[in-house]
């Protein structure tokens, strides 16, 4: 059926600066990996609204259909679509449905999210914790996006992985959790400082408005109300080299599996 091709598909962000800082480095890492293997590669953005927003900022990213068509035109008979998604759920299902409905000559498959296994969770946690050594009376709060339809397993695995790394300071939450309740619990257990780390590939509008803002309903704001000192990491996971290595490793495994008939 011809050569393999690799598409890296993200939801993206309308924040051009965040796209360049957090997503583009992952794109380039995967492009280098694919080029070294002699494979055609293309990035893609799942959301039409996001693509339009990026285009207005002179950042042109094709949709999944266009990216797959590009690789088909370059001779790919099989295309692996690798999601940026950390977890499954509704947004991952949208990508799977779109890929299934493409109707292009190439055979198309979608690989699993990064946190589809315990080992994937452990690798990601090690990559993140390597950037944030433990500090006395400080809690490291990893704030995931949370997705409708996603089972709790990935978040349980993340907590287990942090514990396996000996990091009792780590707390894993999602944007759907109550920041005031979490803040009160941390203060009652003797924490005096909290570092907020977005557990998201890209730190765009969600991080700015729901995590870093000092408004009472945001994560930083709720922690400050409890008298805690707060540090906010304003970069997404894609800015961390070790996380990019996780994506490259996942791509290698998925491509080796895709070498057999899809």
C-alpha atoms as a PDB file:
ATOM      1  CA  UNK A   1       0.000   0.000   0.000  1.00  0.00           C
ATOM      2  CA  UNK A   2       2.960   2.349  -0.064  1.00  0.00           C
ATOM      3  CA  UNK A   3       4.891   4.198   2.600  1.00  0.00           C
ATOM      4  CA  UNK A   4       3.722   5.216   6.041  1.00  0.00           C
ATOM      5  CA  UNK A   5       2.958   8.841   6.843  1.00  0.00           C
ATOM      6  CA  UNK A   6       2.546  10.612  10.185  1.00  0.00           C
ATOM      7  CA  UNK A   7       0.077  13.361  11.094  1.00  0.00           C
ATOM      8  CA  UNK A   8       0.247  15.095  14.487  1.00  0.00           C
ATOM      9  CA  UNK A   9      -3.255  16.344  15.270  1.00  0.00           C
ATOM     10  CA  UNK A  10      -3.945  18.817  18.062  1.00  0.00           C
ATOM     11  CA  UNK A  11      -6.993  20.810  19.049  1.00  0.00           C
ATOM     12  CA  UNK A  12      -4.694  23.807  18.946  1.00  0.00           C
ATOM     13  CA  UNK A  13      -5.266  27.205  20.494  1.00  0.00           C
ATOM     14  CA  UNK A  14      -6.256  30.618  19.175  1.00  0.00           C
ATOM     15  CA  UNK A  15      -3.410  32.058  21.249  1.00  0.00           C
ATOM     16  CA  UNK A  16      -0.681  32.319  18.633  1.00  0.00           C
ATOM     17  CA  UNK A  17       2.063  32.915  21.173  1.00  0.00           C
ATOM     18  CA  UNK A  18       1.058  29.782  23.109  1.00  0.00           C
ATOM     19  CA  UNK A  19       0.909  27.780  19.871  1.00  0.00           C
ATOM     20  CA  UNK A  20       4.450  28.788  18.942  1.00  0.00           C
ATOM     21  CA  UNK A  21       5.763  28.181  22.471  1.00  0.00           C
ATOM     22  CA  UNK A  22       4.019  24.903  23.362  1.00  0.00           C
ATOM     23  CA  UNK A  23       2.713  23.105  20.261  1.00  0.00           C
ATOM     24  CA  UNK A  24       5.191  24.039  17.560  1.00  0.00           C
ATOM     25  CA  UNK A  25       8.172  22.483  19.433  1.00  0.00           C
ATOM     26  CA  UNK A  26       6.301  19.148  19.551  1.00  0.00           C
ATOM     27  CA  UNK A  27       5.508  19.478  15.843  1.00  0.00           C
ATOM     28  CA  UNK A  28       9.167  20.081  15.048  1.00  0.00           C
ATOM     29  CA  UNK A  29      10.345  17.208  17.264  1.00  0.00           C
ATOM     30  CA  UNK A  30       7.985  14.816  15.480  1.00  0.00           C
ATOM     31  CA  UNK A  31       8.909  16.252  12.081  1.00  0.00           C
ATOM     32  CA  UNK A  32      12.602  15.587  12.797  1.00  0.00           C
ATOM     33  CA  UNK A  33      11.788  12.062  13.949  1.00  0.00           C
ATOM     34  CA  UNK A  34       9.678  11.334  10.855  1.00  0.00           C
ATOM     35  CA  UNK A  35      12.274  12.841   8.513  1.00  0.00           C
ATOM     36  CA  UNK A  36      14.998  10.683  10.052  1.00  0.00           C
ATOM     37  CA  UNK A  37      12.878   7.624   9.250  1.00  0.00           C
ATOM     38  CA  UNK A  38      12.172   8.835   5.745  1.00  0.00           C
ATOM     39  CA  UNK A  39       8.458   9.333   6.424  1.00  0.00           C
ATOM     40  CA  UNK A  40       6.253  12.190   5.208  1.00  0.00           C
ATOM     41  CA  UNK A  41       4.888  14.300   8.066  1.00  0.00           C
ATOM     42  CA  UNK A  42       2.274  17.004   8.540  1.00  0.00           C
ATOM     43  CA  UNK A  43       0.767  18.775  11.546  1.00  0.00           C
ATOM     44  CA  UNK A  44      -2.996  19.278  11.749  1.00  0.00           C
ATOM     45  CA  UNK A  45      -5.502  21.207  13.823  1.00  0.00           C
ATOM     46  CA  UNK A  46      -8.830  19.520  14.546  1.00  0.00           C
ATOM     47  CA  UNK A  47     -10.853  22.673  15.242  1.00  0.00           C
ATOM     48  CA  UNK A  48     -11.926  24.804  12.286  1.00  0.00           C
ATOM     49  CA  UNK A  49     -12.482  27.763  14.618  1.00  0.00           C
ATOM     50  CA  UNK A  50      -8.943  27.467  15.965  1.00  0.00           C
ATOM     51  CA  UNK A  51      -7.506  27.144  12.459  1.00  0.00           C
ATOM     52  CA  UNK A  52      -9.239  30.376  11.470  1.00  0.00           C
ATOM     53  CA  UNK A  53      -7.943  32.129  14.594  1.00  0.00           C
ATOM     54  CA  UNK A  54      -4.396  31.003  13.926  1.00  0.00           C
ATOM     55  CA  UNK A  55      -4.618  31.952  10.262  1.00  0.00           C
ATOM     56  CA  UNK A  56      -5.523  35.500  11.316  1.00  0.00           C
ATOM     57  CA  UNK A  57      -2.174  35.517  13.175  1.00  0.00           C
ATOM     58  CA  UNK A  58      -0.303  34.257  10.094  1.00  0.00           C
ATOM     59  CA  UNK A  59      -0.043  30.697  11.437  1.00  0.00           C
ATOM     60  CA  UNK A  60      -1.381  28.283   8.846  1.00  0.00           C
ATOM     61  CA  UNK A  61      -2.207  24.766  10.046  1.00  0.00           C
ATOM     62  CA  UNK A  62      -4.233  22.358   7.894  1.00  0.00           C
ATOM     63  CA  UNK A  63      -7.189  20.338   9.077  1.00  0.00           C
ATOM     64  CA  UNK A  64      -6.898  16.566   9.438  1.00  0.00           C
ATOM     65  CA  UNK A  65      -8.402  15.924   5.996  1.00  0.00           C
ATOM     66  CA  UNK A  66      -5.979  18.322   4.322  1.00  0.00           C
ATOM     67  CA  UNK A  67      -2.989  16.906   6.194  1.00  0.00           C
ATOM     68  CA  UNK A  68      -3.858  13.325   5.252  1.00  0.00           C
ATOM     69  CA  UNK A  69      -4.427  14.367   1.633  1.00  0.00           C
ATOM     70  CA  UNK A  70      -1.012  16.054   1.637  1.00  0.00           C
ATOM     71  CA  UNK A  71       0.711  12.867   2.764  1.00  0.00           C
ATOM     72  CA  UNK A  72      -1.277  10.766   0.297  1.00  0.00           C
ATOM     73  CA  UNK A  73      -0.033  13.103  -2.429  1.00  0.00           C
ATOM     74  CA  UNK A  74       3.507  12.474  -1.203  1.00  0.00           C
ATOM     75  CA  UNK A  75       3.063   8.745  -1.679  1.00  0.00           C
ATOM     76  CA  UNK A  76       1.807   7.554   1.711  1.00  0.00           C
ATOM     77  CA  UNK A  77      -0.445   4.508   1.460  1.00  0.00           C
ATOM     78  CA  UNK A  78      -0.986   4.357   5.237  1.00  0.00           C
ATOM     79  CA  UNK A  79      -1.329   7.388   7.496  1.00  0.00           C
ATOM     80  CA  UNK A  80      -1.068   7.283  11.262  1.00  0.00           C
ATOM     81  CA  UNK A  81      -2.799  10.203  12.975  1.00  0.00           C
ATOM     82  CA  UNK A  82      -1.132  10.817  16.313  1.00  0.00           C
ATOM     83  CA  UNK A  83      -3.249  12.897  18.701  1.00  0.00           C
ATOM     84  CA  UNK A  84      -1.857  15.531  21.002  1.00  0.00           C
ATOM     85  CA  UNK A  85      -4.578  14.500  23.453  1.00  0.00           C
ATOM     86  CA  UNK A  86      -3.398  13.328  26.848  1.00  0.00           C
ATOM     87  CA  UNK A  87      -6.602  11.377  27.534  1.00  0.00           C
ATOM     88  CA  UNK A  88      -9.558   9.884  25.712  1.00  0.00           C
ATOM     89  CA  UNK A  89     -13.111  11.162  25.933  1.00  0.00           C
ATOM     90  CA  UNK A  90     -15.272  13.374  23.766  1.00  0.00           C
ATOM     91  CA  UNK A  91     -12.575  15.404  21.996  1.00  0.00           C
ATOM     92  CA  UNK A  92     -10.539  12.296  21.166  1.00  0.00           C
ATOM     93  CA  UNK A  93     -13.712  10.646  19.838  1.00  0.00           C
ATOM     94  CA  UNK A  94     -14.248  13.622  17.521  1.00  0.00           C
ATOM     95  CA  UNK A  95     -10.797  13.002  16.048  1.00  0.00           C
ATOM     96  CA  UNK A  96     -11.446   9.278  15.630  1.00  0.00           C
ATOM     97  CA  UNK A  97     -14.797   9.962  13.943  1.00  0.00           C
ATOM     98  CA  UNK A  98     -13.243  12.493  11.579  1.00  0.00           C
ATOM     99  CA  UNK A  99     -10.467  10.113  10.599  1.00  0.00           C
ATOM    100  CA  UNK A 100     -12.950   7.286  10.019  1.00  0.00           C
ATOM    101  CA  UNK A 101     -15.053   9.486   7.731  1.00  0.00           C
ATOM    102  CA  UNK A 102     -12.218  10.804   5.578  1.00  0.00           C
ATOM    103  CA  UNK A 103     -12.799   8.560   2.600  1.00  0.00           C
ATOM    104  CA  UNK A 104      -9.282   9.065   1.193  1.00  0.00           C
ATOM    105  CA  UNK A 105      -7.196   6.514  -0.721  1.00  0.00           C
ATOM    106  CA  UNK A 106      -4.794   6.003   2.176  1.00  0.00           C
ATOM    107  CA  UNK A 107      -5.654   3.707   5.073  1.00  0.00           C
ATOM    108  CA  UNK A 108      -5.918   5.920   8.155  1.00  0.00           C
ATOM    109  CA  UNK A 109      -5.651   4.987  11.833  1.00  0.00           C
ATOM    110  CA  UNK A 110      -5.548   7.057  15.025  1.00  0.00           C
ATOM    111  CA  UNK A 111      -3.090   6.139  17.774  1.00  0.00           C
ATOM    112  CA  UNK A 112      -3.970   6.129  21.473  1.00  0.00           C
ATOM    113  CA  UNK A 113      -3.675   9.211  23.705  1.00  0.00           C
ATOM    114  CA  UNK A 114      -0.480   9.719  25.679  1.00  0.00           C
ATOM    115  CA  UNK A 115      -2.090   8.642  28.980  1.00  0.00           C
ATOM    116  CA  UNK A 116      -3.746   5.479  27.703  1.00  0.00           C
ATOM    117  CA  UNK A 117      -1.511   3.268  29.874  1.00  0.00           C
ATOM    118  CA  UNK A 118       0.048   3.321  33.327  1.00  0.00           C
ATOM    119  CA  UNK A 119       3.501   3.357  31.754  1.00  0.00           C
ATOM    120  CA  UNK A 120       2.555   6.437  29.726  1.00  0.00           C
ATOM    121  CA  UNK A 121       1.399   8.165  32.903  1.00  0.00           C
ATOM    122  CA  UNK A 122       4.656   7.312  34.670  1.00  0.00           C
ATOM    123  CA  UNK A 123       6.761   8.650  31.804  1.00  0.00           C
ATOM    124  CA  UNK A 124       4.807  11.900  31.696  1.00  0.00           C
ATOM    125  CA  UNK A 125       4.970  12.380  35.461  1.00  0.00           C
ATOM    126  CA  UNK A 126       8.732  11.831  35.459  1.00  0.00           C
ATOM    127  CA  UNK A 127       9.099  14.391  32.673  1.00  0.00           C
ATOM    128  CA  UNK A 128       7.074  16.999  34.565  1.00  0.00           C
ATOM    129  CA  UNK A 129       8.570  16.354  37.998  1.00  0.00           C
ATOM    130  CA  UNK A 130      12.043  16.675  36.532  1.00  0.00           C
ATOM    131  CA  UNK A 131      11.231  20.352  36.038  1.00  0.00           C
ATOM    132  CA  UNK A 132       9.917  20.842  39.584  1.00  0.00           C
ATOM    133  CA  UNK A 133      11.979  19.497  42.485  1.00  0.00           C
ATOM    134  CA  UNK A 134      10.158  19.021  45.796  1.00  0.00           C
ATOM    135  CA  UNK A 135      10.235  21.970  48.216  1.00  0.00           C
ATOM    136  CA  UNK A 136       9.469  22.035  51.932  1.00  0.00           C
ATOM    137  CA  UNK A 137       5.838  22.869  52.742  1.00  0.00           C
ATOM    138  CA  UNK A 138       5.136  23.449  49.063  1.00  0.00           C
ATOM    139  CA  UNK A 139       2.572  21.495  47.071  1.00  0.00           C
ATOM    140  CA  UNK A 140       2.842  20.888  43.343  1.00  0.00           C
ATOM    141  CA  UNK A 141      -0.652  21.151  41.896  1.00  0.00           C
ATOM    142  CA  UNK A 142      -0.952  19.558  38.453  1.00  0.00           C
ATOM    143  CA  UNK A 143      -4.057  20.981  36.803  1.00  0.00           C
ATOM    144  CA  UNK A 144      -5.402  18.847  33.949  1.00  0.00           C
ATOM    145  CA  UNK A 145      -8.079  20.045  31.568  1.00  0.00           C
ATOM    146  CA  UNK A 146     -10.521  17.211  32.183  1.00  0.00           C
ATOM    147  CA  UNK A 147     -12.690  15.936  29.333  1.00  0.00           C
ATOM    148  CA  UNK A 148     -16.295  14.758  29.172  1.00  0.00           C
ATOM    149  CA  UNK A 149     -16.510  11.014  28.699  1.00  0.00           C
ATOM    150  CA  UNK A 150     -12.980  10.374  29.917  1.00  0.00           C
ATOM    151  CA  UNK A 151     -12.652   7.633  32.561  1.00  0.00           C
ATOM    152  CA  UNK A 152     -10.853   8.503  35.792  1.00  0.00           C
ATOM    153  CA  UNK A 153      -8.088   5.957  35.146  1.00  0.00           C
ATOM    154  CA  UNK A 154      -5.508   8.403  33.675  1.00  0.00           C
ATOM    155  CA  UNK A 155      -5.776  10.726  36.689  1.00  0.00           C
ATOM    156  CA  UNK A 156      -5.540   7.777  39.104  1.00  0.00           C
ATOM    157  CA  UNK A 157      -2.459   6.580  37.213  1.00  0.00           C
ATOM    158  CA  UNK A 158      -0.898  10.037  37.436  1.00  0.00           C
ATOM    159  CA  UNK A 159      -1.374  10.077  41.218  1.00  0.00           C
ATOM    160  CA  UNK A 160       0.037   6.573  41.523  1.00  0.00           C
ATOM    161  CA  UNK A 161       3.006   7.539  39.350  1.00  0.00           C
ATOM    162  CA  UNK A 162       3.786  10.587  41.504  1.00  0.00           C
ATOM    163  CA  UNK A 163       3.645   8.412  44.621  1.00  0.00           C
ATOM    164  CA  UNK A 164       5.929   5.843  42.958  1.00  0.00           C
ATOM    165  CA  UNK A 165       8.409   8.675  42.376  1.00  0.00           C
ATOM    166  CA  UNK A 166       8.300   9.468  46.095  1.00  0.00           C
ATOM    167  CA  UNK A 167       6.549  12.781  45.542  1.00  0.00           C
ATOM    168  CA  UNK A 168       3.966  13.120  48.304  1.00  0.00           C
ATOM    169  CA  UNK A 169       3.790  16.844  47.492  1.00  0.00           C
ATOM    170  CA  UNK A 170       1.984  16.264  44.192  1.00  0.00           C
ATOM    171  CA  UNK A 171      -1.753  16.824  43.841  1.00  0.00           C
ATOM    172  CA  UNK A 172      -3.571  16.084  40.560  1.00  0.00           C
ATOM    173  CA  UNK A 173      -6.801  17.950  39.805  1.00  0.00           C
ATOM    174  CA  UNK A 174      -8.845  18.957  36.763  1.00  0.00           C
ATOM    175  CA  UNK A 175     -10.486  22.230  35.788  1.00  0.00           C
ATOM    176  CA  UNK A 176     -13.777  20.623  36.760  1.00  0.00           C
ATOM    177  CA  UNK A 177     -12.754  20.274  40.414  1.00  0.00           C
ATOM    178  CA  UNK A 178     -13.659  22.925  42.996  1.00  0.00           C
ATOM    179  CA  UNK A 179     -10.553  25.101  43.502  1.00  0.00           C
ATOM    180  CA  UNK A 180     -11.888  26.524  46.794  1.00  0.00           C
ATOM    181  CA  UNK A 181     -12.331  23.063  48.315  1.00  0.00           C
ATOM    182  CA  UNK A 182      -8.866  21.962  47.183  1.00  0.00           C
ATOM    183  CA  UNK A 183      -7.297  25.198  48.475  1.00  0.00           C
ATOM    184  CA  UNK A 184      -8.938  24.793  51.880  1.00  0.00           C
ATOM    185  CA  UNK A 185      -7.728  21.190  52.116  1.00  0.00           C
ATOM    186  CA  UNK A 186      -4.134  22.127  51.245  1.00  0.00           C
ATOM    187  CA  UNK A 187      -4.090  24.948  53.798  1.00  0.00           C
ATOM    188  CA  UNK A 188      -5.504  22.662  56.510  1.00  0.00           C
ATOM    189  CA  UNK A 189      -2.683  20.175  55.880  1.00  0.00           C
ATOM    190  CA  UNK A 190       0.079  22.700  56.508  1.00  0.00           C
ATOM    191  CA  UNK A 191       1.006  23.840  53.010  1.00  0.00           C
ATOM    192  CA  UNK A 192       2.245  27.414  52.810  1.00  0.00           C
ATOM    193  CA  UNK A 193       3.057  27.587  49.098  1.00  0.00           C
ATOM    194  CA  UNK A 194       1.614  26.025  45.952  1.00  0.00           C
ATOM    195  CA  UNK A 195       3.070  25.774  42.452  1.00  0.00           C
ATOM    196  CA  UNK A 196       0.366  25.513  39.806  1.00  0.00           C
ATOM    197  CA  UNK A 197       1.422  23.506  36.758  1.00  0.00           C
ATOM    198  CA  UNK A 198      -0.958  23.178  33.808  1.00  0.00           C
ATOM    199  CA  UNK A 199      -1.100  19.510  32.833  1.00  0.00           C
ATOM    200  CA  UNK A 200      -1.972  20.489  29.285  1.00  0.00           C
ATOM    201  CA  UNK A 201       0.058  20.402  26.103  1.00  0.00           C
ATOM    202  CA  UNK A 202      -0.619  24.094  25.531  1.00  0.00           C
ATOM    203  CA  UNK A 203      -1.093  26.808  28.156  1.00  0.00           C
ATOM    204  CA  UNK A 204      -3.515  29.105  26.360  1.00  0.00           C
ATOM    205  CA  UNK A 205      -6.736  30.798  27.379  1.00  0.00           C
ATOM    206  CA  UNK A 206      -7.818  28.116  29.876  1.00  0.00           C
ATOM    207  CA  UNK A 207      -4.627  28.554  31.846  1.00  0.00           C
ATOM    208  CA  UNK A 208      -4.726  32.331  31.729  1.00  0.00           C
ATOM    209  CA  UNK A 209      -8.368  32.609  32.821  1.00  0.00           C
ATOM    210  CA  UNK A 210      -9.015  29.529  34.974  1.00  0.00           C
ATOM    211  CA  UNK A 211      -5.612  28.760  36.468  1.00  0.00           C
ATOM    212  CA  UNK A 212      -3.426  31.861  36.628  1.00  0.00           C
ATOM    213  CA  UNK A 213      -6.069  34.541  37.185  1.00  0.00           C
ATOM    214  CA  UNK A 214      -6.350  35.953  40.710  1.00  0.00           C
ATOM    215  CA  UNK A 215     -10.152  36.032  40.472  1.00  0.00           C
ATOM    216  CA  UNK A 216     -11.727  34.170  43.456  1.00  0.00           C
ATOM    217  CA  UNK A 217     -13.148  31.384  41.283  1.00  0.00           C
ATOM    218  CA  UNK A 218      -9.837  30.572  39.597  1.00  0.00           C
ATOM    219  CA  UNK A 219      -7.222  28.209  40.965  1.00  0.00           C
ATOM    220  CA  UNK A 220      -4.649  30.868  41.827  1.00  0.00           C
ATOM    221  CA  UNK A 221      -7.332  33.133  43.287  1.00  0.00           C
ATOM    222  CA  UNK A 222      -8.770  30.408  45.519  1.00  0.00           C
ATOM    223  CA  UNK A 223      -5.324  29.541  46.849  1.00  0.00           C
ATOM    224  CA  UNK A 224      -4.491  33.168  47.611  1.00  0.00           C
ATOM    225  CA  UNK A 225      -7.755  33.540  49.555  1.00  0.00           C
ATOM    226  CA  UNK A 226      -6.559  30.695  51.795  1.00  0.00           C
ATOM    227  CA  UNK A 227      -3.366  32.626  52.532  1.00  0.00           C
ATOM    228  CA  UNK A 228      -1.134  30.455  50.379  1.00  0.00           C
ATOM    229  CA  UNK A 229       1.732  31.824  48.329  1.00  0.00           C
ATOM    230  CA  UNK A 230       1.224  30.875  44.689  1.00  0.00           C
ATOM    231  CA  UNK A 231       3.604  30.337  41.789  1.00  0.00           C
ATOM    232  CA  UNK A 232       2.065  29.737  38.381  1.00  0.00           C
ATOM    233  CA  UNK A 233       3.796  27.970  35.509  1.00  0.00           C
ATOM    234  CA  UNK A 234       2.519  29.667  32.363  1.00  0.00           C
ATOM    235  CA  UNK A 235       4.000  27.279  29.830  1.00  0.00           C
ATOM    236  CA  UNK A 236       2.342  24.109  28.571  1.00  0.00           C
ATOM    237  CA  UNK A 237       3.811  20.614  28.585  1.00  0.00           C
ATOM    238  CA  UNK A 238       4.991  21.009  25.004  1.00  0.00           C
ATOM    239  CA  UNK A 239       7.668  23.433  26.192  1.00  0.00           C
ATOM    240  CA  UNK A 240       9.364  20.615  28.151  1.00  0.00           C
ATOM    241  CA  UNK A 241      11.919  18.607  26.173  1.00  0.00           C
ATOM    242  CA  UNK A 242      11.292  15.414  28.151  1.00  0.00           C
ATOM    243  CA  UNK A 243       7.582  15.630  27.325  1.00  0.00           C
ATOM    244  CA  UNK A 244       8.394  16.049  23.640  1.00  0.00           C
ATOM    245  CA  UNK A 245      10.510  12.915  23.975  1.00  0.00           C
ATOM    246  CA  UNK A 246       7.392  11.127  25.301  1.00  0.00           C
ATOM    247  CA  UNK A 247       5.518  12.055  22.124  1.00  0.00           C
ATOM    248  CA  UNK A 248       8.378  10.887  19.934  1.00  0.00           C
ATOM    249  CA  UNK A 249       8.538   7.571  21.800  1.00  0.00           C
ATOM    250  CA  UNK A 250       4.788   7.111  21.420  1.00  0.00           C
ATOM    251  CA  UNK A 251       5.076   7.878  17.697  1.00  0.00           C
ATOM    252  CA  UNK A 252       7.839   5.294  17.305  1.00  0.00           C
ATOM    253  CA  UNK A 253       5.772   2.600  19.006  1.00  0.00           C
ATOM    254  CA  UNK A 254       2.620   3.482  17.069  1.00  0.00           C
ATOM    255  CA  UNK A 255       4.425   3.561  13.722  1.00  0.00           C
ATOM    256  CA  UNK A 256       6.060   0.200  14.374  1.00  0.00           C
ATOM    257  CA  UNK A 257       2.585  -1.190  15.033  1.00  0.00           C
ATOM    258  CA  UNK A 258       1.167   0.506  11.927  1.00  0.00           C
ATOM    259  CA  UNK A 259       3.767  -1.181   9.749  1.00  0.00           C
ATOM    260  CA  UNK A 260       1.487  -4.241   9.845  1.00  0.00           C
ATOM    261  CA  UNK A 261      -1.833  -4.065   7.910  1.00  0.00           C
ATOM    262  CA  UNK A 262      -4.239  -1.456   9.342  1.00  0.00           C
END
